[in-house]
Each structure stands twice: as C-alpha cells, then as structure tokens.
C-alpha cells in the first residue's frame, strides 16, 4: 500500500507542480516564437487550467471514476504528449536559429504538425492490427491430440482512459480469429501477458465482464500495473469473467502438448517468494512473464516460448528510442539457441506492443497489435 500511495502522490500533486513550471515556460516560448506573446494573466490562466486538469482528474479517478474526470484526464495526457513534441521542436528551432533565421511560416507549420500527428496517433492507437508468426517447436510427446494457435496480447491498460470499447473491440477481433482457425481444425487459446489494468481508477466486479464473451479460453498473468489498485480486486473481477489466472502457477494442456507457466511480475523486493518453474520434459513449456527480461536464462531452464509485453514497443516517437535502450527486445518475435547441460536449447520470445496505451492514448511508430502464434511441431 505504501508503494501505491507513493506512486499516487507522484502522479498527482508532485507531477502537477512540475507541470505548472514546465507549462509556464513552454507555452510562453511557443507564443513568442509565433510573434504572439501572451498577456501574463492569460498565460497564468492557461497554465492553471492545465494543472487543475491533471490534479483533479488524478485525485478523483484514483478513488472513483466519472465521465467528466475521465475526459479531463484524457485531455491532460494528450497535452503532455503534445508538450513533449513542442519542447523538441523548440530545441530544434533554437539550434537552427543559431546558424540562420527560420522563417515564421516554417515555425507555424512545425507547430501545426503536432495536432495533425496527434489525430493520426489517436486513430492508430484505437485500431488493432493482427500480426502473425509461425513457431517451430520440438515435438516432445509425439502424441499431440489437437492443433493449436496462441493469441498473444498484453497491456490493455483498462482504466480511466481506455475502457469498455477497447474490451469489446478486442473480444470481437479474437473471436474472428477463432472462427477462421476453427475452419482449419485449429483450436485457439488467448494469453494476456500482464497489465490488463492501468491502475488509474478502481477495479469493479464487472470491469472485465466483456471477456466472458470470448469463444476460447483466456489466460492471464499479472504485470506491474495490475497491482496499483489492488491485485485481489483485479483477480475477483477476472474470475467473474471466467478468465484463467496463472500467478506463480501453471496449467497443463496435454491435448495441445503445452505446459503454460505464469510467473508473477517482480518488483525487485527482497522478501518476494521464490517460485520454482514447473518445467515439463514431455511438453513444450510456455512462460508468461510481463517484462522481456531474463529470456535466455529461462530458455536455459527449458522454456520453449516466453510471452511478454510491458514495452509498448515504445508507444510513440521519440519515446521508443529510450525504451529500446532499456529493453533491447522491444517488440516482435525473437529466436535463440542456448547451450545448457551440454544440450542446445531452442527458445522463442514474443514481445507484443500491446493493444492499450499508458498515459496519452497515442501511438506513432507502433501499432496496437494482436499477435497470432501458429505452432508447428518438428
């Protein structure tokens, strides 16, 4: 609870103070570049409104959710995204003008491009893209009864900004995939590798009820955001939607020759319980772990396929450049061969960009994706 309160304070009052100062100077510089300096009273009024949007929406939404505060939060997050890009443009304009003056109309065009990119990014963030891969896994048991494909999704971030419409679109999309696969005699399971919740508002018993309309089993393992409003409430809501929860647990699907292992997200706490991976020798081991960390270590332990998210693929330019530094496996399907116990082990890592968004509901340079993994046994 202490961690949640600390995070809440950072997102609310503390971030509001930072935004007050940042927005004051940013907006003042923007209008000066446009040769339209703002009266100090007008400038202060704009800055205060932006600060109140952030503070009021964050404080209220953390306890209960309303349409007006959800709208306020969305506007606030969109402005945060835009302000980052305006800051980058201002730095570029400043550097150029150290060499030569920049025409005023060019500055206007540059500043107008940001809302245009915002509309494009907002559209991309709200439309799912289906991405397909084929995996060659070792046929360990030799007696697989059924063919199966895995739908891998992550980071829905259901909360104050993304909600029921995202869930409905998601369920409609995976049901279409299920129907197509069934025509070919292939079964489907859906695995959500964490951050189904955003943590920005409380979880209700019916928050995820739409997932009950999925035509196939849905399996979930928590990510970091799933703890912010209480993991117990989240689990109860998911159980109410008939979602299978693997939290330091595993599920044997012998008919598919799969051993699904859900590993709890690690916050790096000293007192965290240790969990020994229940590796199967006669099934393909699929590990669900929210962050794309320790992949090759897991492969050396016997994991054939690891499913992760967390990175959002960087979500938007230029944040993707920083995320790529922190997480080298930022998005896509990766393959490696690791030598362990004098044996070469082949392993895959699927890192999806997710279908939700954190903060601003914007995607530029990434797509909201649903990954379909077709399994081919060798």
Protein backbone atom coordinates (compact mmCIF):
# COMPACT_ATOMS: atom_id res chain seq x y z
CA UNK A 1 0.00 0.00 0.00
CA UNK A 2 2.90 2.36 0.72
CA UNK A 3 4.14 1.89 -2.85
CA UNK A 4 0.67 2.66 -4.26
CA UNK A 5 0.34 5.80 -2.13
CA UNK A 6 3.80 6.99 -3.14
CA UNK A 7 3.02 6.44 -6.83
CA UNK A 8 -0.32 8.22 -6.41
CA UNK A 9 1.39 11.23 -4.84
CA UNK A 10 3.90 11.36 -7.67
CA UNK A 11 1.19 11.25 -10.34
CA UNK A 12 -1.00 13.78 -8.56
CA UNK A 13 0.32 16.74 -6.54
CA UNK A 14 4.03 16.35 -7.25
CA UNK A 15 3.64 15.99 -11.02
CA UNK A 16 1.21 18.92 -11.02
CA UNK A 17 3.85 21.21 -9.51
CA UNK A 18 6.36 20.10 -12.14
CA UNK A 19 3.79 20.65 -14.90
CA UNK A 20 2.99 24.13 -13.60
CA UNK A 21 6.56 25.30 -14.04
CA UNK A 22 7.17 23.38 -17.28
CA UNK A 23 3.95 24.56 -18.97
CA UNK A 24 4.51 28.18 -17.96
CA UNK A 25 7.83 28.44 -19.76
CA UNK A 26 6.87 26.16 -22.67
CA UNK A 27 3.66 27.99 -23.59
CA UNK A 28 5.33 31.37 -23.17
CA UNK A 29 8.14 30.36 -25.55
CA UNK A 30 5.72 28.86 -28.10
CA UNK A 31 3.67 32.05 -28.41
CA UNK A 32 6.77 34.23 -28.50
CA UNK A 33 8.07 32.17 -31.44
CA UNK A 34 4.72 32.74 -33.13
CA UNK A 35 5.13 36.51 -32.63
CA UNK A 36 2.00 36.45 -30.48
CA UNK A 37 3.18 36.94 -26.87
CA UNK A 38 0.54 36.20 -24.26
CA UNK A 39 -0.58 38.57 -21.56
CA UNK A 40 0.74 37.28 -18.21
CA UNK A 41 -2.79 36.86 -16.84
CA UNK A 42 -3.83 34.79 -19.85
CA UNK A 43 -0.67 32.70 -19.63
CA UNK A 44 -1.15 32.00 -15.94
CA UNK A 45 -4.81 31.12 -16.52
CA UNK A 46 -3.91 28.56 -19.20
CA UNK A 47 -1.19 27.04 -17.04
CA UNK A 48 -3.51 26.79 -14.02
CA UNK A 49 -6.24 25.12 -16.09
CA UNK A 50 -3.78 22.52 -17.38
CA UNK A 51 -2.50 21.91 -13.85
CA UNK A 52 -6.02 21.50 -12.46
CA UNK A 53 -6.92 19.06 -15.25
CA UNK A 54 -4.06 16.84 -14.11
CA UNK A 55 -4.53 17.23 -10.35
CA UNK A 56 -8.32 16.94 -10.12
CA UNK A 57 -8.63 14.04 -12.57
CA UNK A 58 -5.81 12.05 -10.94
CA UNK A 59 -7.04 12.50 -7.36
CA UNK A 60 -10.71 11.76 -8.11
CA UNK A 61 -10.15 8.91 -10.57
CA UNK A 62 -7.90 7.10 -8.10
CA UNK A 63 -10.91 6.72 -5.79
CA UNK A 64 -13.91 6.68 -8.13
CA UNK A 65 -14.48 7.19 -11.84
CA UNK A 66 -16.72 9.72 -13.58
CA UNK A 67 -17.15 10.65 -17.24
CA UNK A 68 -16.02 14.24 -16.68
CA UNK A 69 -12.85 13.29 -14.78
CA UNK A 70 -12.03 10.61 -17.36
CA UNK A 71 -12.34 13.26 -20.07
CA UNK A 72 -10.19 15.66 -18.05
CA UNK A 73 -7.50 13.01 -17.65
CA UNK A 74 -7.51 12.19 -21.36
CA UNK A 75 -7.14 15.87 -22.30
CA UNK A 76 -4.34 16.24 -19.75
CA UNK A 77 -2.46 13.20 -21.07
CA UNK A 78 -2.84 14.33 -24.68
CA UNK A 79 -1.39 17.70 -23.78
CA UNK A 80 1.55 16.04 -22.02
CA UNK A 81 2.31 14.18 -25.24
CA UNK A 82 1.96 17.35 -27.33
CA UNK A 83 4.09 19.38 -24.91
CA UNK A 84 6.94 16.87 -25.25
CA UNK A 85 6.91 17.27 -29.02
CA UNK A 86 6.64 21.06 -28.75
CA UNK A 87 9.69 21.03 -26.49
CA UNK A 88 11.65 19.02 -29.06
CA UNK A 89 10.59 21.40 -31.83
CA UNK A 90 11.59 24.44 -29.77
CA UNK A 91 15.04 22.96 -29.18
CA UNK A 92 15.42 22.26 -32.92
CA UNK A 93 14.27 25.77 -33.85
CA UNK A 94 16.72 27.26 -31.36
CA UNK A 95 19.62 25.22 -32.77
CA UNK A 96 18.75 26.14 -36.36
CA UNK A 97 18.50 29.83 -35.49
CA UNK A 98 21.99 29.74 -34.06
CA UNK A 99 23.07 29.32 -37.69
CA UNK A 100 20.34 31.08 -39.66
CA UNK A 101 16.93 32.67 -39.02
CA UNK A 102 13.93 30.38 -39.51
CA UNK A 103 11.00 31.87 -41.48
CA UNK A 104 7.88 32.43 -39.39
CA UNK A 105 5.70 30.33 -41.70
CA UNK A 106 8.00 27.32 -41.17
CA UNK A 107 7.59 27.70 -37.41
CA UNK A 108 3.79 27.82 -37.84
CA UNK A 109 3.89 24.67 -39.97
CA UNK A 110 6.05 22.85 -37.43
CA UNK A 111 3.72 23.73 -34.57
CA UNK A 112 0.61 22.80 -36.58
CA UNK A 113 2.07 19.40 -37.43
CA UNK A 114 1.76 18.27 -33.82
CA UNK A 115 -2.07 18.28 -33.65
CA UNK A 116 -2.08 16.57 -37.07
CA UNK A 117 0.22 13.85 -35.74
CA UNK A 118 -2.00 13.70 -32.67
CA UNK A 119 -5.09 12.86 -34.72
CA UNK A 120 -3.16 10.20 -36.66
CA UNK A 121 -1.65 8.73 -33.50
CA UNK A 122 -5.02 8.68 -31.75
CA UNK A 123 -6.55 6.77 -34.66
CA UNK A 124 -3.70 4.23 -34.76
CA UNK A 125 -3.96 3.64 -31.01
CA UNK A 126 -7.65 2.76 -31.30
CA UNK A 127 -7.43 0.23 -34.15
CA UNK A 128 -5.96 -3.23 -33.63
CA UNK A 129 -3.53 -4.77 -36.10
CA UNK A 130 -3.27 -8.56 -36.42
CA UNK A 131 0.32 -9.83 -36.60
CA UNK A 132 1.04 -13.48 -37.42
CA UNK A 133 4.09 -15.65 -36.78
CA UNK A 134 4.87 -19.36 -37.19
CA UNK A 135 6.95 -21.08 -34.50
CA UNK A 136 8.83 -24.34 -34.96
CA UNK A 137 8.75 -26.16 -31.63
CA UNK A 138 10.17 -29.55 -30.75
CA UNK A 139 7.59 -32.35 -30.76
CA UNK A 140 8.34 -33.68 -27.29
CA UNK A 141 5.44 -36.02 -26.54
CA UNK A 142 4.82 -37.36 -30.07
CA UNK A 143 1.14 -37.77 -29.18
CA UNK A 144 -0.33 -34.28 -29.58
CA UNK A 145 -4.08 -34.64 -29.99
CA UNK A 146 -5.02 -31.23 -31.42
CA UNK A 147 -3.51 -28.37 -33.38
CA UNK A 148 -3.44 -25.06 -31.53
CA UNK A 149 -2.61 -21.41 -32.11
CA UNK A 150 -1.87 -18.90 -29.36
CA UNK A 151 -3.29 -15.39 -29.45
CA UNK A 152 -0.83 -13.26 -27.51
CA UNK A 153 -1.89 -9.84 -26.23
CA UNK A 154 -0.68 -7.58 -23.46
CA UNK A 155 -1.01 -4.15 -21.88
CA UNK A 156 -4.70 -3.41 -22.33
CA UNK A 157 -4.41 -0.78 -19.56
CA UNK A 158 -8.13 -0.72 -18.81
CA UNK A 159 -8.74 2.28 -16.59
CA UNK A 160 -9.70 5.93 -16.75
CA UNK A 161 -8.80 6.46 -20.42
CA UNK A 162 -9.14 3.06 -22.09
CA UNK A 163 -12.21 1.05 -21.16
CA UNK A 164 -15.20 -0.90 -22.40
CA UNK A 165 -14.83 -0.01 -26.09
CA UNK A 166 -11.29 -1.43 -26.10
CA UNK A 167 -12.50 -4.66 -24.50
CA UNK A 168 -15.35 -5.04 -27.00
CA UNK A 169 -13.09 -4.46 -30.00
CA UNK A 170 -10.53 -6.88 -28.56
CA UNK A 171 -13.08 -9.65 -28.00
CA UNK A 172 -14.57 -9.13 -31.46
CA UNK A 173 -11.11 -9.40 -33.04
CA UNK A 174 -10.05 -12.57 -31.21
CA UNK A 175 -13.42 -14.20 -31.89
CA UNK A 176 -12.93 -13.57 -35.63
CA UNK A 177 -9.50 -15.22 -35.41
CA UNK A 178 -11.04 -18.15 -33.54
CA UNK A 179 -13.73 -18.67 -36.19
CA UNK A 180 -11.15 -18.64 -39.00
CA UNK A 181 -8.87 -21.09 -37.19
CA UNK A 182 -11.76 -23.43 -36.45
CA UNK A 183 -12.44 -23.72 -40.18
CA UNK A 184 -8.97 -25.28 -40.47
CA UNK A 185 -9.50 -27.53 -37.46
CA UNK A 186 -7.17 -25.49 -35.24
CA UNK A 187 -8.02 -24.65 -31.63
CA UNK A 188 -7.13 -21.29 -30.11
CA UNK A 189 -6.14 -20.06 -26.66
CA UNK A 190 -5.66 -16.40 -25.74
CA UNK A 191 -2.90 -15.37 -23.35
CA UNK A 192 -2.69 -11.90 -21.80
CA UNK A 193 0.82 -11.24 -20.51
CA UNK A 194 0.08 -8.56 -17.93
CA UNK A 195 -1.16 -5.00 -17.41
CA UNK A 196 -4.77 -5.72 -18.22
CA UNK A 197 -5.50 -2.87 -15.80
CA UNK A 198 -4.00 0.61 -15.83
CA UNK A 199 -4.23 1.35 -12.12
CA UNK A 200 -5.66 4.82 -12.69
CA UNK A 201 -9.13 4.00 -11.28
CA UNK A 202 -10.70 1.31 -9.06
CA UNK A 203 -11.49 -2.15 -10.43
CA UNK A 204 -15.14 -3.21 -10.16
CA UNK A 205 -16.52 -6.74 -10.22
CA UNK A 206 -17.90 -6.22 -13.73
CA UNK A 207 -14.94 -4.29 -15.19
CA UNK A 208 -13.78 -7.19 -17.37
CA UNK A 209 -17.11 -8.95 -17.85
CA UNK A 210 -16.90 -8.45 -21.63
CA UNK A 211 -14.07 -11.02 -21.70
CA UNK A 212 -16.70 -13.64 -20.85
CA UNK A 213 -17.83 -13.32 -24.49
CA UNK A 214 -14.53 -14.72 -25.79
CA UNK A 215 -15.05 -18.01 -27.66
CA UNK A 216 -11.82 -19.55 -26.41
CA UNK A 217 -10.03 -19.90 -23.04
CA UNK A 218 -8.39 -16.68 -21.87
CA UNK A 219 -5.32 -16.99 -19.63
CA UNK A 220 -3.82 -14.09 -17.69
CA UNK A 221 -0.67 -13.41 -15.65
CA UNK A 222 -0.32 -10.06 -13.80
CA UNK A 223 2.03 -7.23 -14.75
CA UNK A 224 3.18 -4.26 -12.68
CA UNK A 225 0.13 -2.02 -13.29
CA UNK A 226 -2.22 -4.79 -12.19
CA UNK A 227 -1.14 -4.24 -8.57
CA UNK A 228 -1.73 -0.48 -8.39
CA UNK A 229 -5.43 -0.67 -7.46
CA UNK A 230 -5.18 -3.95 -5.56
CA UNK A 231 -4.41 -7.33 -7.08
CA UNK A 232 -7.21 -9.06 -5.14
CA UNK A 233 -9.93 -6.86 -6.65
CA UNK A 234 -8.42 -7.45 -10.08
CA UNK A 235 -8.42 -11.21 -9.66
CA UNK A 236 -12.03 -11.25 -8.46
CA UNK A 237 -13.11 -9.21 -11.49
CA UNK A 238 -11.25 -11.52 -13.88
CA UNK A 239 -12.65 -14.64 -12.24
CA UNK A 240 -16.11 -13.13 -12.69
CA UNK A 241 -15.32 -13.03 -16.43
CA UNK A 242 -14.12 -16.67 -16.40
CA UNK A 243 -10.51 -15.71 -17.09
CA UNK A 244 -7.90 -18.28 -16.01
CA UNK A 245 -5.32 -16.62 -13.73
CA UNK A 246 -1.80 -18.02 -13.55
CA UNK A 247 0.04 -16.16 -10.79
CA UNK A 248 3.09 -18.28 -9.94
CA UNK A 249 1.11 -21.24 -11.19
CA UNK A 250 0.94 -23.48 -14.24
CA UNK A 251 -1.66 -25.16 -16.43
CA UNK A 252 -1.05 -28.42 -18.31
CA UNK A 253 -2.84 -28.58 -21.65
CA UNK A 254 -1.87 -32.10 -22.62
CA UNK A 255 -4.18 -32.17 -25.63
CA UNK A 256 -2.01 -29.39 -27.10
CA UNK A 257 1.31 -30.66 -25.69
CA UNK A 258 1.67 -27.38 -23.78
CA UNK A 259 2.66 -26.54 -20.22
CA UNK A 260 1.63 -22.91 -19.58
CA UNK A 261 3.51 -21.23 -16.71
CA UNK A 262 2.51 -17.85 -15.31
CA UNK A 263 5.33 -16.09 -13.44
CA UNK A 264 4.44 -13.20 -11.15
CA UNK A 265 5.92 -9.80 -12.03
CA UNK A 266 8.94 -8.99 -9.88
CA UNK A 267 9.20 -5.54 -8.31
CA UNK A 268 12.66 -6.44 -7.01
CA UNK A 269 11.57 -6.68 -3.37
CA UNK A 270 13.86 -8.53 -1.01
CA UNK A 271 11.05 -10.51 0.60
CA UNK A 272 9.42 -11.84 -2.54
CA UNK A 273 8.56 -15.51 -2.54
CA UNK A 274 10.69 -17.76 -4.69
CA UNK A 275 8.90 -19.80 -7.30
CA UNK A 276 10.44 -22.82 -8.97
CA UNK A 277 9.39 -23.11 -12.59
CA UNK A 278 7.49 -26.39 -13.08
CA UNK A 279 9.32 -27.37 -16.26
CA UNK A 280 7.85 -30.31 -18.17
CA UNK A 281 10.15 -32.69 -20.04
CA UNK A 282 7.48 -34.08 -22.36
CA UNK A 283 5.58 -30.89 -23.26
CA UNK A 284 6.50 -27.52 -24.72
CA UNK A 285 6.93 -25.05 -21.87
CA UNK A 286 5.33 -21.63 -22.41
CA UNK A 287 6.26 -18.93 -19.89
CA UNK A 288 4.13 -15.84 -19.34
CA UNK A 289 6.22 -13.06 -17.81
CA UNK A 290 5.23 -9.44 -18.24
CA UNK A 291 8.64 -7.85 -18.87
CA UNK A 292 11.01 -9.19 -21.58
CA UNK A 293 13.76 -9.86 -19.04
CA UNK A 294 15.91 -12.94 -18.33
CA UNK A 295 14.78 -14.60 -21.57
CA UNK A 296 17.94 -16.58 -22.29
CA UNK A 297 18.13 -17.67 -18.65
CA UNK A 298 14.60 -19.02 -18.94
CA UNK A 299 15.49 -20.82 -22.19
CA UNK A 300 18.42 -22.50 -20.47
CA UNK A 301 15.94 -23.73 -17.83
CA UNK A 302 13.80 -25.37 -20.51
CA UNK A 303 11.37 -22.66 -21.64
CA UNK A 304 10.43 -23.06 -25.31
CA UNK A 305 8.38 -19.88 -25.66
CA UNK A 306 8.23 -16.76 -23.49
CA UNK A 307 5.36 -14.29 -23.82
CA UNK A 308 5.94 -10.69 -22.71
CA UNK A 309 4.75 -7.13 -23.17
CA UNK A 310 5.50 -4.12 -20.96
CA UNK A 311 7.48 -2.12 -23.54
CA UNK A 312 4.51 -0.97 -25.67
CA UNK A 313 7.09 -1.00 -28.46
CA UNK A 314 7.95 2.48 -27.20
CA UNK A 315 4.33 3.53 -27.95
CA UNK A 316 5.28 6.74 -29.72
CA UNK A 317 8.23 8.53 -31.26
CA UNK A 318 10.62 9.62 -29.69
CA UNK A 319 9.91 7.59 -26.50
CA UNK A 320 10.68 4.42 -28.46
CA UNK A 321 14.36 5.43 -28.66
CA UNK A 322 14.68 5.46 -24.87
CA UNK A 323 12.65 2.26 -24.42
CA UNK A 324 14.91 0.49 -26.94
CA UNK A 325 17.92 1.31 -24.75
CA UNK A 326 16.25 -0.07 -21.61
CA UNK A 327 14.66 -3.09 -23.32
CA UNK A 328 16.70 -4.43 -26.27
CA UNK A 329 13.87 -6.87 -27.03
CA UNK A 330 11.39 -4.08 -27.62
CA UNK A 331 8.86 -5.76 -29.93
CA UNK A 332 8.47 -8.70 -32.27
CA UNK A 333 9.42 -12.38 -32.26
CA UNK A 334 12.96 -13.39 -31.28
CA UNK A 335 14.70 -16.75 -31.50
CA UNK A 336 17.85 -18.02 -29.79
CA UNK A 337 19.79 -21.21 -29.14
CA UNK A 338 21.30 -21.61 -25.67
CA UNK A 339 23.70 -24.30 -24.51
CA UNK A 340 22.67 -25.75 -21.15
CA UNK A 341 23.72 -29.03 -19.52
CA UNK A 342 25.63 -29.94 -22.70
CA UNK A 343 22.40 -29.60 -24.65
CA UNK A 344 21.39 -26.98 -27.22
CA UNK A 345 18.02 -25.49 -26.32
CA UNK A 346 15.95 -23.54 -28.84
CA UNK A 347 13.73 -20.78 -27.47
CA UNK A 348 11.39 -18.04 -28.69
CA UNK A 349 10.43 -14.70 -27.18
CA UNK A 350 7.27 -12.90 -28.26
CA UNK A 351 7.17 -9.25 -27.17
CA UNK A 352 3.95 -7.58 -28.18
CA UNK A 353 3.42 -3.82 -28.31
CA UNK A 354 0.06 -4.33 -26.60
CA UNK A 355 -3.36 -3.05 -27.55
CA UNK A 356 -3.80 -0.38 -24.89
CA UNK A 357 -1.83 2.74 -24.07
CA UNK A 358 -0.16 4.14 -20.97
CA UNK A 359 -0.72 7.83 -20.43
CA UNK A 360 -1.63 9.54 -23.70
CA UNK A 361 -3.85 7.40 -25.98
CA UNK A 362 -1.41 7.94 -28.83
CA UNK A 363 0.67 5.57 -30.97
CA UNK A 364 3.22 6.76 -33.50
CA UNK A 365 5.82 4.35 -34.82
CA UNK A 366 3.98 1.41 -33.22
CA UNK A 367 0.62 -0.27 -33.65
CA UNK A 368 -1.92 -1.69 -31.25
CA UNK A 369 -1.38 -5.33 -32.08
CA UNK A 370 -2.86 -8.75 -31.52
CA UNK A 371 -0.22 -11.42 -32.12
CA UNK A 372 -1.19 -14.83 -33.52
CA UNK A 373 1.40 -17.56 -32.94
CA UNK A 374 0.87 -20.62 -35.14
CA UNK A 375 2.72 -23.60 -33.66
CA UNK A 376 4.44 -26.04 -35.98
CA UNK A 377 5.82 -29.18 -34.30
CA UNK A 378 9.10 -30.66 -35.57
